[in-house]
């Protein structure tokens, strides 16, 4: 592929545009599928953008109704029919090298479990993307719920939750627990199906974006001429400047609360 192609840092909703639709692959047997199994605020949109720029599929959060709705309307498919939707996704979002990818949250998997398990997971390379620093992730998730901002462009894509107090410990705890629980569910699913996923820590991916792209390409059986390795994308804040300063302070506060709780639990343990 052409290494001179400029890098495009597209917001997530831009990926719903028809310009990212692809010519239909010659046959379904030629498709090499991958699924990014993850949790919210894991850095998954960075990974999606890197893969799009590499020419390795057009991965997006296809099972989020905010994305499925406009795509199904354009392609004239019932969004409730998971098999028909998947067939249309493969037909329109598989790149010339045969790569098709999607991002998948645990809640989205549960909502369409039977069809996704049979039609997608069993035929795909699975990439398990997770963050080591769950405190940072939990604060980011809390703020996204609170503000409705989920992407670097500052777009408010979900209704802001004004009912959640800023920095509310109960909501932060809920975010923290859901991230850990859903990571656990993914690991249990891999184990039950005897799947060895490509495990990608967000912190390692940010430090070596090239290495992660090459690892996924190799797992799909793509040769060096089938894709390009895009330049590393600098990590910008996902929130406006006035929120970012408060986010950093809140991370420190939440991390201290978590560490204090763990220390108290350790002291209370018998023996």
C-alpha atoms as a PDB file:
ATOM      1  CA  UNK A   1       0.000   0.000   0.000  1.00  0.00           C
ATOM      2  CA  UNK A   2       1.056   3.634  -0.473  1.00  0.00           C
ATOM      3  CA  UNK A   3       3.111   4.789   2.516  1.00  0.00           C
ATOM      4  CA  UNK A   4       2.746   8.406   1.340  1.00  0.00           C
ATOM      5  CA  UNK A   5      -0.997   8.445   2.098  1.00  0.00           C
ATOM      6  CA  UNK A   6      -1.590  11.202   4.679  1.00  0.00           C
ATOM      7  CA  UNK A   7      -2.705  10.164   8.145  1.00  0.00           C
ATOM      8  CA  UNK A   8      -6.336  10.990   8.881  1.00  0.00           C
ATOM      9  CA  UNK A   9      -7.457  11.578  12.446  1.00  0.00           C
ATOM     10  CA  UNK A  10     -11.184  11.122  11.996  1.00  0.00           C
ATOM     11  CA  UNK A  11     -13.773  11.419  14.795  1.00  0.00           C
ATOM     12  CA  UNK A  12     -15.691   8.197  15.396  1.00  0.00           C
ATOM     13  CA  UNK A  13     -18.908   9.385  13.736  1.00  0.00           C
ATOM     14  CA  UNK A  14     -17.024  10.199  10.522  1.00  0.00           C
ATOM     15  CA  UNK A  15     -16.563   6.446  10.074  1.00  0.00           C
ATOM     16  CA  UNK A  16     -20.311   6.172   9.434  1.00  0.00           C
ATOM     17  CA  UNK A  17     -19.856   8.172   6.194  1.00  0.00           C
ATOM     18  CA  UNK A  18     -20.399   6.478   2.829  1.00  0.00           C
ATOM     19  CA  UNK A  19     -16.826   7.407   1.822  1.00  0.00           C
ATOM     20  CA  UNK A  20     -15.616   4.566   4.064  1.00  0.00           C
ATOM     21  CA  UNK A  21     -17.814   1.999   2.287  1.00  0.00           C
ATOM     22  CA  UNK A  22     -15.782  -0.507   0.312  1.00  0.00           C
ATOM     23  CA  UNK A  23     -16.370  -2.535  -2.880  1.00  0.00           C
ATOM     24  CA  UNK A  24     -17.898  -5.936  -2.101  1.00  0.00           C
ATOM     25  CA  UNK A  25     -15.271  -8.687  -1.633  1.00  0.00           C
ATOM     26  CA  UNK A  26     -15.101 -11.430  -4.237  1.00  0.00           C
ATOM     27  CA  UNK A  27     -16.276 -14.048  -1.749  1.00  0.00           C
ATOM     28  CA  UNK A  28     -16.943 -14.452   1.954  1.00  0.00           C
ATOM     29  CA  UNK A  29     -14.157 -17.043   2.144  1.00  0.00           C
ATOM     30  CA  UNK A  30     -11.629 -14.313   1.307  1.00  0.00           C
ATOM     31  CA  UNK A  31     -12.539 -12.228   4.387  1.00  0.00           C
ATOM     32  CA  UNK A  32     -10.112 -12.108   7.338  1.00  0.00           C
ATOM     33  CA  UNK A  33     -12.116 -10.863  10.335  1.00  0.00           C
ATOM     34  CA  UNK A  34     -10.937  -9.405  13.622  1.00  0.00           C
ATOM     35  CA  UNK A  35     -12.824  -8.176  16.684  1.00  0.00           C
ATOM     36  CA  UNK A  36     -11.488  -5.654  19.208  1.00  0.00           C
ATOM     37  CA  UNK A  37     -13.001  -6.912  22.482  1.00  0.00           C
ATOM     38  CA  UNK A  38     -12.815  -4.119  25.010  1.00  0.00           C
ATOM     39  CA  UNK A  39     -14.434  -1.768  27.520  1.00  0.00           C
ATOM     40  CA  UNK A  40     -15.367   1.940  27.271  1.00  0.00           C
ATOM     41  CA  UNK A  41     -12.547   4.506  27.437  1.00  0.00           C
ATOM     42  CA  UNK A  42      -9.859   1.903  26.727  1.00  0.00           C
ATOM     43  CA  UNK A  43      -8.179   3.751  23.851  1.00  0.00           C
ATOM     44  CA  UNK A  44     -10.082   1.644  21.339  1.00  0.00           C
ATOM     45  CA  UNK A  45     -10.865   4.535  18.985  1.00  0.00           C
ATOM     46  CA  UNK A  46      -7.137   5.231  18.689  1.00  0.00           C
ATOM     47  CA  UNK A  47      -6.632   1.592  17.708  1.00  0.00           C
ATOM     48  CA  UNK A  48      -9.516   1.814  15.218  1.00  0.00           C
ATOM     49  CA  UNK A  49      -8.038   4.940  13.613  1.00  0.00           C
ATOM     50  CA  UNK A  50      -4.607   3.359  13.351  1.00  0.00           C
ATOM     51  CA  UNK A  51      -6.075   0.281  11.663  1.00  0.00           C
ATOM     52  CA  UNK A  52      -8.178   2.378   9.256  1.00  0.00           C
ATOM     53  CA  UNK A  53      -5.093   4.376   8.311  1.00  0.00           C
ATOM     54  CA  UNK A  54      -3.177   1.120   7.897  1.00  0.00           C
ATOM     55  CA  UNK A  55      -5.834  -0.107   5.464  1.00  0.00           C
ATOM     56  CA  UNK A  56      -6.701  -3.043   7.727  1.00  0.00           C
ATOM     57  CA  UNK A  57     -10.492  -2.985   7.628  1.00  0.00           C
ATOM     58  CA  UNK A  58     -12.689  -0.110   8.743  1.00  0.00           C
ATOM     59  CA  UNK A  59     -13.195  -1.038  12.406  1.00  0.00           C
ATOM     60  CA  UNK A  60     -15.867   0.935  14.242  1.00  0.00           C
ATOM     61  CA  UNK A  61     -18.341   0.345  17.051  1.00  0.00           C
ATOM     62  CA  UNK A  62     -20.833  -1.267  14.713  1.00  0.00           C
ATOM     63  CA  UNK A  63     -23.048  -2.712  17.447  1.00  0.00           C
ATOM     64  CA  UNK A  64     -23.641   0.659  19.076  1.00  0.00           C
ATOM     65  CA  UNK A  65     -27.086   1.809  17.923  1.00  0.00           C
ATOM     66  CA  UNK A  66     -25.716   5.330  17.343  1.00  0.00           C
ATOM     67  CA  UNK A  67     -23.612   3.860  14.529  1.00  0.00           C
ATOM     68  CA  UNK A  68     -25.827   0.965  13.459  1.00  0.00           C
ATOM     69  CA  UNK A  69     -28.854   3.207  12.854  1.00  0.00           C
ATOM     70  CA  UNK A  70     -27.421   5.429  10.079  1.00  0.00           C
ATOM     71  CA  UNK A  71     -25.563   2.519   8.461  1.00  0.00           C
ATOM     72  CA  UNK A  72     -28.655   0.296   8.358  1.00  0.00           C
ATOM     73  CA  UNK A  73     -30.732   3.165   6.984  1.00  0.00           C
ATOM     74  CA  UNK A  74     -28.246   3.719   4.150  1.00  0.00           C
ATOM     75  CA  UNK A  75     -27.866   0.019   3.396  1.00  0.00           C
ATOM     76  CA  UNK A  76     -31.581  -0.724   3.834  1.00  0.00           C
ATOM     77  CA  UNK A  77     -31.188  -3.518   6.371  1.00  0.00           C
ATOM     78  CA  UNK A  78     -33.118  -4.150   9.601  1.00  0.00           C
ATOM     79  CA  UNK A  79     -30.741  -3.303  12.492  1.00  0.00           C
ATOM     80  CA  UNK A  80     -32.481  -5.947  14.632  1.00  0.00           C
ATOM     81  CA  UNK A  81     -31.439  -8.700  12.209  1.00  0.00           C
ATOM     82  CA  UNK A  82     -27.873  -9.291  13.374  1.00  0.00           C
ATOM     83  CA  UNK A  83     -27.002 -11.849  10.687  1.00  0.00           C
ATOM     84  CA  UNK A  84     -28.270  -9.650   7.857  1.00  0.00           C
ATOM     85  CA  UNK A  85     -26.481  -6.642   9.353  1.00  0.00           C
ATOM     86  CA  UNK A  86     -23.223  -8.584   9.664  1.00  0.00           C
ATOM     87  CA  UNK A  87     -23.501  -9.744   6.074  1.00  0.00           C
ATOM     88  CA  UNK A  88     -23.954  -6.163   4.931  1.00  0.00           C
ATOM     89  CA  UNK A  89     -21.056  -4.985   7.096  1.00  0.00           C
ATOM     90  CA  UNK A  90     -18.772  -7.589   5.555  1.00  0.00           C
ATOM     91  CA  UNK A  91     -19.930  -6.579   2.090  1.00  0.00           C
ATOM     92  CA  UNK A  92     -19.397  -2.839   2.616  1.00  0.00           C
ATOM     93  CA  UNK A  93     -16.629  -2.568   5.234  1.00  0.00           C
ATOM     94  CA  UNK A  94     -14.074  -5.169   4.072  1.00  0.00           C
ATOM     95  CA  UNK A  95     -10.938  -3.554   2.626  1.00  0.00           C
ATOM     96  CA  UNK A  96      -9.236  -4.744  -0.565  1.00  0.00           C
ATOM     97  CA  UNK A  97      -6.847  -6.982   1.376  1.00  0.00           C
ATOM     98  CA  UNK A  98      -9.840  -8.926   2.757  1.00  0.00           C
ATOM     99  CA  UNK A  99      -9.716  -7.420   6.267  1.00  0.00           C
ATOM    100  CA  UNK A 100     -12.951  -6.770   8.146  1.00  0.00           C
ATOM    101  CA  UNK A 101     -12.950  -5.540  11.740  1.00  0.00           C
ATOM    102  CA  UNK A 102     -15.247  -4.298  14.435  1.00  0.00           C
ATOM    103  CA  UNK A 103     -14.978  -2.976  17.948  1.00  0.00           C
ATOM    104  CA  UNK A 104     -17.172  -4.740  20.520  1.00  0.00           C
ATOM    105  CA  UNK A 105     -18.057  -3.854  24.109  1.00  0.00           C
ATOM    106  CA  UNK A 106     -19.272  -6.550  26.488  1.00  0.00           C
ATOM    107  CA  UNK A 107     -22.757  -5.038  26.764  1.00  0.00           C
ATOM    108  CA  UNK A 108     -23.044  -5.012  22.969  1.00  0.00           C
ATOM    109  CA  UNK A 109     -21.977  -8.654  22.816  1.00  0.00           C
ATOM    110  CA  UNK A 110     -24.576  -9.633  25.418  1.00  0.00           C
ATOM    111  CA  UNK A 111     -27.329  -7.850  23.488  1.00  0.00           C
ATOM    112  CA  UNK A 112     -26.730 -10.025  20.396  1.00  0.00           C
ATOM    113  CA  UNK A 113     -24.917 -12.934  22.007  1.00  0.00           C
ATOM    114  CA  UNK A 114     -26.167 -15.922  19.994  1.00  0.00           C
ATOM    115  CA  UNK A 115     -25.663 -14.404  16.544  1.00  0.00           C
ATOM    116  CA  UNK A 116     -22.332 -12.745  17.355  1.00  0.00           C
ATOM    117  CA  UNK A 117     -20.959 -15.913  18.945  1.00  0.00           C
ATOM    118  CA  UNK A 118     -21.781 -18.023  15.883  1.00  0.00           C
ATOM    119  CA  UNK A 119     -21.406 -15.523  13.045  1.00  0.00           C
ATOM    120  CA  UNK A 120     -18.449 -13.454  14.251  1.00  0.00           C
ATOM    121  CA  UNK A 121     -16.385 -14.589  17.233  1.00  0.00           C
ATOM    122  CA  UNK A 122     -15.829 -18.122  15.985  1.00  0.00           C
ATOM    123  CA  UNK A 123     -14.456 -16.878  12.663  1.00  0.00           C
ATOM    124  CA  UNK A 124     -12.276 -13.986  13.768  1.00  0.00           C
ATOM    125  CA  UNK A 125      -8.958 -13.017  15.273  1.00  0.00           C
ATOM    126  CA  UNK A 126      -9.826 -11.582  18.682  1.00  0.00           C
ATOM    127  CA  UNK A 127      -7.936  -8.599  20.095  1.00  0.00           C
ATOM    128  CA  UNK A 128      -8.379  -8.022  23.833  1.00  0.00           C
ATOM    129  CA  UNK A 129      -7.651  -4.342  24.501  1.00  0.00           C
ATOM    130  CA  UNK A 130      -7.529  -3.332  28.154  1.00  0.00           C
ATOM    131  CA  UNK A 131      -5.991  -0.670  30.364  1.00  0.00           C
ATOM    132  CA  UNK A 132      -3.678  -1.412  33.248  1.00  0.00           C
ATOM    133  CA  UNK A 133      -4.550   1.916  34.880  1.00  0.00           C
ATOM    134  CA  UNK A 134      -8.227   1.349  35.640  1.00  0.00           C
ATOM    135  CA  UNK A 135      -8.367   4.485  37.824  1.00  0.00           C
ATOM    136  CA  UNK A 136      -7.638   6.674  34.782  1.00  0.00           C
ATOM    137  CA  UNK A 137     -10.170   4.730  32.735  1.00  0.00           C
ATOM    138  CA  UNK A 138     -12.878   4.935  35.412  1.00  0.00           C
ATOM    139  CA  UNK A 139     -12.497   8.716  35.718  1.00  0.00           C
ATOM    140  CA  UNK A 140     -12.667   9.074  31.936  1.00  0.00           C
ATOM    141  CA  UNK A 141     -15.829   6.944  31.840  1.00  0.00           C
ATOM    142  CA  UNK A 142     -17.368   8.962  34.671  1.00  0.00           C
ATOM    143  CA  UNK A 143     -16.674  12.235  32.863  1.00  0.00           C
ATOM    144  CA  UNK A 144     -18.038  10.934  29.564  1.00  0.00           C
ATOM    145  CA  UNK A 145     -21.290   9.964  31.238  1.00  0.00           C
ATOM    146  CA  UNK A 146     -21.387  13.327  32.995  1.00  0.00           C
ATOM    147  CA  UNK A 147     -20.614  15.466  29.913  1.00  0.00           C
ATOM    148  CA  UNK A 148     -21.820  13.311  27.001  1.00  0.00           C
ATOM    149  CA  UNK A 149     -18.384  13.747  25.354  1.00  0.00           C
ATOM    150  CA  UNK A 150     -16.794  10.484  24.144  1.00  0.00           C
ATOM    151  CA  UNK A 151     -14.359  11.561  21.432  1.00  0.00           C
ATOM    152  CA  UNK A 152     -11.492  13.981  20.884  1.00  0.00           C
ATOM    153  CA  UNK A 153     -13.592  16.381  18.778  1.00  0.00           C
ATOM    154  CA  UNK A 154     -15.653  17.425  21.820  1.00  0.00           C
ATOM    155  CA  UNK A 155     -18.960  16.398  20.251  1.00  0.00           C
ATOM    156  CA  UNK A 156     -21.751  15.753  22.766  1.00  0.00           C
ATOM    157  CA  UNK A 157     -23.045  12.420  21.451  1.00  0.00           C
ATOM    158  CA  UNK A 158     -25.093  11.211  24.426  1.00  0.00           C
ATOM    159  CA  UNK A 159     -27.292  13.224  26.815  1.00  0.00           C
ATOM    160  CA  UNK A 160     -25.117  14.692  29.613  1.00  0.00           C
ATOM    161  CA  UNK A 161     -25.967  13.100  32.963  1.00  0.00           C
ATOM    162  CA  UNK A 162     -26.535  16.177  35.086  1.00  0.00           C
ATOM    163  CA  UNK A 163     -28.024  13.885  37.736  1.00  0.00           C
ATOM    164  CA  UNK A 164     -24.523  12.534  38.438  1.00  0.00           C
ATOM    165  CA  UNK A 165     -22.581  14.901  40.729  1.00  0.00           C
ATOM    166  CA  UNK A 166     -19.160  15.880  39.424  1.00  0.00           C
ATOM    167  CA  UNK A 167     -16.614  13.494  40.940  1.00  0.00           C
ATOM    168  CA  UNK A 168     -19.338  11.451  42.677  1.00  0.00           C
ATOM    169  CA  UNK A 169     -17.530   8.591  44.496  1.00  0.00           C
ATOM    170  CA  UNK A 170     -20.483   6.237  44.076  1.00  0.00           C
ATOM    171  CA  UNK A 171     -20.551   6.692  40.298  1.00  0.00           C
ATOM    172  CA  UNK A 172     -16.767   6.479  40.046  1.00  0.00           C
ATOM    173  CA  UNK A 173     -16.915   3.240  41.995  1.00  0.00           C
ATOM    174  CA  UNK A 174     -19.618   1.937  39.655  1.00  0.00           C
ATOM    175  CA  UNK A 175     -17.481   2.808  36.612  1.00  0.00           C
ATOM    176  CA  UNK A 176     -14.409   1.184  38.152  1.00  0.00           C
ATOM    177  CA  UNK A 177     -16.278  -2.010  39.036  1.00  0.00           C
ATOM    178  CA  UNK A 178     -17.989  -2.318  35.630  1.00  0.00           C
ATOM    179  CA  UNK A 179     -14.649  -2.001  33.802  1.00  0.00           C
ATOM    180  CA  UNK A 180     -13.025  -4.682  35.957  1.00  0.00           C
ATOM    181  CA  UNK A 181     -16.077  -6.940  35.706  1.00  0.00           C
ATOM    182  CA  UNK A 182     -16.384  -6.678  31.932  1.00  0.00           C
ATOM    183  CA  UNK A 183     -12.665  -7.359  31.509  1.00  0.00           C
ATOM    184  CA  UNK A 184     -13.188 -10.445  33.652  1.00  0.00           C
ATOM    185  CA  UNK A 185     -16.165 -11.514  31.509  1.00  0.00           C
ATOM    186  CA  UNK A 186     -14.073 -11.208  28.350  1.00  0.00           C
ATOM    187  CA  UNK A 187     -11.307 -13.328  29.883  1.00  0.00           C
ATOM    188  CA  UNK A 188     -13.823 -15.960  30.978  1.00  0.00           C
ATOM    189  CA  UNK A 189     -15.311 -16.055  27.489  1.00  0.00           C
ATOM    190  CA  UNK A 190     -11.890 -16.539  25.901  1.00  0.00           C
ATOM    191  CA  UNK A 191     -11.128 -19.319  28.372  1.00  0.00           C
ATOM    192  CA  UNK A 192     -14.467 -21.096  27.895  1.00  0.00           C
ATOM    193  CA  UNK A 193     -14.051 -21.080  24.105  1.00  0.00           C
ATOM    194  CA  UNK A 194     -10.335 -21.937  24.311  1.00  0.00           C
ATOM    195  CA  UNK A 195      -9.431 -18.762  22.464  1.00  0.00           C
ATOM    196  CA  UNK A 196      -5.993 -17.215  22.789  1.00  0.00           C
ATOM    197  CA  UNK A 197      -6.612 -13.552  21.916  1.00  0.00           C
ATOM    198  CA  UNK A 198      -4.045 -10.949  21.021  1.00  0.00           C
ATOM    199  CA  UNK A 199      -3.797  -9.243  24.420  1.00  0.00           C
ATOM    200  CA  UNK A 200      -3.004  -5.542  24.042  1.00  0.00           C
ATOM    201  CA  UNK A 201      -2.429  -3.305  27.043  1.00  0.00           C
ATOM    202  CA  UNK A 202      -3.391   0.267  26.217  1.00  0.00           C
ATOM    203  CA  UNK A 203      -0.213   1.575  27.837  1.00  0.00           C
ATOM    204  CA  UNK A 204       1.951  -0.696  25.639  1.00  0.00           C
ATOM    205  CA  UNK A 205      -0.042   0.167  22.527  1.00  0.00           C
ATOM    206  CA  UNK A 206       0.389   3.920  23.031  1.00  0.00           C
ATOM    207  CA  UNK A 207       4.135   3.423  23.469  1.00  0.00           C
ATOM    208  CA  UNK A 208       4.436   1.177  20.394  1.00  0.00           C
ATOM    209  CA  UNK A 209       1.529   1.773  18.018  1.00  0.00           C
ATOM    210  CA  UNK A 210       3.493   0.340  15.097  1.00  0.00           C
ATOM    211  CA  UNK A 211       4.157  -2.925  16.919  1.00  0.00           C
ATOM    212  CA  UNK A 212       0.471  -3.463  17.671  1.00  0.00           C
ATOM    213  CA  UNK A 213      -0.573  -2.843  14.050  1.00  0.00           C
ATOM    214  CA  UNK A 214       2.055  -5.263  12.751  1.00  0.00           C
ATOM    215  CA  UNK A 215       1.002  -7.887  15.315  1.00  0.00           C
ATOM    216  CA  UNK A 216      -2.642  -7.717  14.202  1.00  0.00           C
ATOM    217  CA  UNK A 217      -1.665  -7.752  10.513  1.00  0.00           C
ATOM    218  CA  UNK A 218       0.500 -10.824  11.058  1.00  0.00           C
ATOM    219  CA  UNK A 219      -2.331 -12.607  12.888  1.00  0.00           C
ATOM    220  CA  UNK A 220      -4.617 -11.919   9.908  1.00  0.00           C
ATOM    221  CA  UNK A 221      -2.042 -13.321   7.517  1.00  0.00           C
ATOM    222  CA  UNK A 222      -1.426 -10.006   5.758  1.00  0.00           C
ATOM    223  CA  UNK A 223       1.857  -9.489   3.986  1.00  0.00           C
ATOM    224  CA  UNK A 224       3.924  -6.309   4.189  1.00  0.00           C
ATOM    225  CA  UNK A 225       2.516  -5.128   0.861  1.00  0.00           C
ATOM    226  CA  UNK A 226      -1.098  -5.599   1.990  1.00  0.00           C
ATOM    227  CA  UNK A 227      -1.139  -2.666   4.399  1.00  0.00           C
ATOM    228  CA  UNK A 228       0.902   0.292   5.539  1.00  0.00           C
ATOM    229  CA  UNK A 229       2.185   1.150   8.997  1.00  0.00           C
ATOM    230  CA  UNK A 230       0.859   4.633   9.803  1.00  0.00           C
ATOM    231  CA  UNK A 231       2.770   7.119  11.947  1.00  0.00           C
ATOM    232  CA  UNK A 232       2.064   7.068  15.661  1.00  0.00           C
ATOM    233  CA  UNK A 233      -0.783   9.370  16.632  1.00  0.00           C
ATOM    234  CA  UNK A 234       0.023  11.821  19.450  1.00  0.00           C
ATOM    235  CA  UNK A 235      -2.306  11.414  22.405  1.00  0.00           C
ATOM    236  CA  UNK A 236      -4.453  14.498  22.784  1.00  0.00           C
ATOM    237  CA  UNK A 237      -6.922  15.144  25.568  1.00  0.00           C
ATOM    238  CA  UNK A 238     -10.414  13.765  24.964  1.00  0.00           C
ATOM    239  CA  UNK A 239     -11.958  16.643  26.896  1.00  0.00           C
ATOM    240  CA  UNK A 240     -11.975  20.439  26.517  1.00  0.00           C
ATOM    241  CA  UNK A 241      -9.191  22.253  28.365  1.00  0.00           C
ATOM    242  CA  UNK A 242     -11.453  23.448  31.176  1.00  0.00           C
ATOM    243  CA  UNK A 243     -12.480  19.846  31.892  1.00  0.00           C
ATOM    244  CA  UNK A 244      -9.024  18.343  31.411  1.00  0.00           C
ATOM    245  CA  UNK A 245      -7.507  20.111  34.438  1.00  0.00           C
ATOM    246  CA  UNK A 246     -10.347  18.851  36.621  1.00  0.00           C
ATOM    247  CA  UNK A 247      -9.928  15.365  35.142  1.00  0.00           C
ATOM    248  CA  UNK A 248      -6.277  15.210  36.211  1.00  0.00           C
ATOM    249  CA  UNK A 249      -7.156  16.334  39.736  1.00  0.00           C
ATOM    250  CA  UNK A 250      -9.990  13.821  39.916  1.00  0.00           C
ATOM    251  CA  UNK A 251      -7.703  10.967  38.813  1.00  0.00           C
ATOM    252  CA  UNK A 252      -5.349  11.715  41.692  1.00  0.00           C
ATOM    253  CA  UNK A 253      -8.239  11.918  44.136  1.00  0.00           C
ATOM    254  CA  UNK A 254      -9.872   8.692  42.935  1.00  0.00           C
ATOM    255  CA  UNK A 255      -6.580   6.783  42.870  1.00  0.00           C
ATOM    256  CA  UNK A 256      -5.891   7.842  46.471  1.00  0.00           C
ATOM    257  CA  UNK A 257      -9.374   6.682  47.514  1.00  0.00           C
ATOM    258  CA  UNK A 258      -8.896   3.294  45.829  1.00  0.00           C
ATOM    259  CA  UNK A 259      -5.464   2.791  47.388  1.00  0.00           C
ATOM    260  CA  UNK A 260      -6.794   3.805  50.816  1.00  0.00           C
ATOM    261  CA  UNK A 261      -9.642   1.302  50.481  1.00  0.00           C
ATOM    262  CA  UNK A 262      -7.243  -1.485  49.504  1.00  0.00           C
ATOM    263  CA  UNK A 263      -4.964  -0.679  52.411  1.00  0.00           C
ATOM    264  CA  UNK A 264      -7.926  -0.809  54.781  1.00  0.00           C
ATOM    265  CA  UNK A 265      -9.014  -4.159  53.376  1.00  0.00           C
ATOM    266  CA  UNK A 266      -5.485  -5.548  53.785  1.00  0.00           C
ATOM    267  CA  UNK A 267      -5.348  -4.395  57.406  1.00  0.00           C
ATOM    268  CA  UNK A 268      -8.703  -5.983  58.123  1.00  0.00           C
ATOM    269  CA  UNK A 269      -7.739  -9.338  56.589  1.00  0.00           C
ATOM    270  CA  UNK A 270      -7.167 -12.113  59.152  1.00  0.00           C
ATOM    271  CA  UNK A 271      -3.749 -13.563  59.850  1.00  0.00           C
END
